[in-house]
Amino acid sequence: MDIKKSISSFIYGEETCFQVYGFKSCPYYQKAVSLGESLEKNHGNITVDIVPIDRNEWSDVLEQRTQDLGGKAVYHRTCPLVQEGCDVNARKFVGGYSDFLNEARKRKYKYERKKD
């Protein structure tokens, strides 16, 4: 058992993990990265992995990730792609940037609001 994680879970609640995939030149990916960094900063139990993808490889990576996630994810065609789950075998589809933001609001997470 990881002592640091168990103490963090005790203090802050259950560990929550997100992964944000996208290409760096996408403004929505940049917003999702900003949101993820803010969530991590404000919540000790949240980890956000930022996964930058080369623009030329994006469509292949997107296709693979959405197929692996299944369900509604197979219809997702935009950047970024956000998924949730700390266990590689138990990840679920969140959506794009607006879905990630809506999920943060729904869960009443604290985050810095950036002006567009």
Protein backbone atom coordinates (compact mmCIF):
# COMPACT_ATOMS: atom_id res chain seq x y z
CA MET A 1 0.00 0.00 0.00
CA ASP A 2 1.28 3.46 -0.88
CA ILE A 3 1.31 5.43 2.39
CA LYS A 4 1.26 8.82 0.64
CA LYS A 5 -1.82 7.85 -1.41
CA SER A 6 -3.63 6.37 1.58
CA ILE A 7 -3.00 9.49 3.70
CA SER A 8 -4.12 11.71 0.81
CA SER A 9 -7.27 9.59 0.38
CA PHE A 10 -7.96 9.87 4.11
CA ILE A 11 -7.54 13.66 4.13
CA TYR A 12 -9.01 14.60 0.76
CA GLY A 13 -11.30 11.71 -0.10
CA GLU A 14 -11.17 9.01 -2.72
CA GLU A 15 -8.43 9.30 -5.32
CA THR A 16 -9.65 10.54 -8.70
CA CYS A 17 -7.59 10.37 -11.89
CA PHE A 18 -8.15 11.99 -15.26
CA GLN A 19 -6.19 11.71 -18.49
CA VAL A 20 -6.28 14.51 -21.07
CA TYR A 21 -5.19 13.56 -24.61
CA GLY A 22 -4.75 16.12 -27.37
CA PHE A 23 -2.43 18.09 -29.60
CA LYS A 24 -0.73 21.21 -28.25
CA SER A 25 -1.97 23.65 -30.90
CA CYS A 26 -5.63 22.91 -30.07
CA PRO A 27 -7.12 25.72 -27.94
CA TYR A 28 -9.59 23.31 -26.30
CA TYR A 29 -6.74 20.97 -25.35
CA GLN A 30 -4.96 23.97 -23.80
CA LYS A 31 -8.11 24.82 -21.81
CA ALA A 32 -8.49 21.21 -20.65
CA VAL A 33 -4.83 21.16 -19.56
CA SER A 34 -5.36 24.41 -17.62
CA LEU A 35 -8.47 23.01 -15.95
CA GLY A 36 -6.66 19.79 -15.07
CA GLU A 37 -3.72 21.65 -13.56
CA SER A 38 -6.10 23.80 -11.53
CA LEU A 39 -8.01 20.75 -10.25
CA GLU A 40 -4.75 19.10 -9.16
CA LYS A 41 -3.63 22.29 -7.41
CA ASN A 42 -6.90 22.66 -5.50
CA HIS A 43 -7.62 19.01 -4.68
CA GLY A 44 -5.02 16.72 -3.13
CA ASN A 45 -6.91 13.62 -4.25
CA ILE A 46 -7.06 14.50 -7.97
CA THR A 47 -4.35 13.52 -10.43
CA VAL A 48 -4.50 14.68 -14.05
CA ASP A 49 -2.16 13.10 -16.59
CA ILE A 50 -1.54 15.35 -19.59
CA VAL A 51 -0.85 13.32 -22.73
CA PRO A 52 0.30 15.52 -25.63
CA ILE A 53 -0.02 13.82 -29.02
CA ASP A 54 1.68 14.88 -32.24
CA ARG A 55 -0.91 16.53 -34.52
CA ASN A 56 -0.08 14.08 -37.33
CA GLU A 57 -0.78 11.11 -35.05
CA TRP A 58 -3.92 12.52 -33.44
CA SER A 59 -6.55 10.79 -35.59
CA ASP A 60 -4.93 7.37 -35.06
CA VAL A 61 -4.57 7.87 -31.30
CA LEU A 62 -8.14 9.19 -31.05
CA GLU A 63 -9.48 6.20 -32.97
CA GLN A 64 -7.60 3.74 -30.74
CA ARG A 65 -8.58 5.44 -27.46
CA THR A 66 -12.25 5.74 -28.39
CA GLN A 67 -12.40 2.10 -29.51
CA ASP A 68 -10.74 1.00 -26.26
CA LEU A 69 -13.21 3.04 -24.20
CA GLY A 70 -16.26 1.93 -26.20
CA GLY A 71 -19.80 3.18 -25.61
CA LYS A 72 -20.41 6.86 -26.38
CA ALA A 73 -16.67 7.39 -26.81
CA VAL A 74 -16.77 5.84 -30.30
CA TYR A 75 -18.68 8.92 -31.50
CA HIS A 76 -16.11 11.40 -30.13
CA ARG A 77 -14.16 13.03 -32.96
CA THR A 78 -12.67 16.20 -31.50
CA CYS A 79 -9.67 17.33 -29.49
CA PRO A 80 -9.18 16.87 -26.59
CA LEU A 81 -10.26 13.49 -25.30
CA VAL A 82 -10.69 13.24 -21.53
CA GLN A 83 -11.07 9.98 -19.67
CA GLU A 84 -11.33 9.15 -15.98
CA GLY A 85 -9.93 6.29 -13.95
CA CYS A 86 -6.89 5.48 -11.86
CA ASP A 87 -6.86 1.84 -12.98
CA VAL A 88 -5.77 1.31 -16.59
CA ASN A 89 -8.37 -1.46 -16.93
CA ALA A 90 -11.24 0.61 -15.54
CA ARG A 91 -11.18 3.90 -17.42
CA LYS A 92 -14.33 5.67 -18.53
CA PHE A 93 -15.04 8.29 -21.16
CA VAL A 94 -15.64 11.86 -19.97
CA GLY A 95 -15.66 13.68 -23.33
CA GLY A 96 -14.01 16.84 -24.58
CA TYR A 97 -13.14 20.08 -22.81
CA SER A 98 -16.74 21.22 -22.19
CA ASP A 99 -17.66 17.79 -20.80
CA PHE A 100 -14.62 17.91 -18.50
CA LEU A 101 -15.61 21.40 -17.31
CA ASN A 102 -19.23 20.32 -16.77
CA GLU A 103 -18.06 17.28 -14.79
CA ALA A 104 -15.90 19.52 -12.58
CA ARG A 105 -18.87 21.83 -11.98
CA LYS A 106 -21.24 18.94 -11.30
CA ARG A 107 -18.86 17.57 -8.66
CA LYS A 108 -18.38 21.07 -7.23
CA TYR A 109 -14.61 20.93 -7.70
CA LYS A 110 -12.70 24.14 -7.03
CA TYR A 111 -10.76 25.52 -9.99
CA GLU A 112 -9.48 28.85 -11.27
CA ARG A 113 -11.65 30.29 -13.99
CA LYS A 114 -9.50 31.56 -16.85
CA LYS A 115 -10.80 34.32 -19.07
CA ASP A 116 -11.01 33.39 -22.75
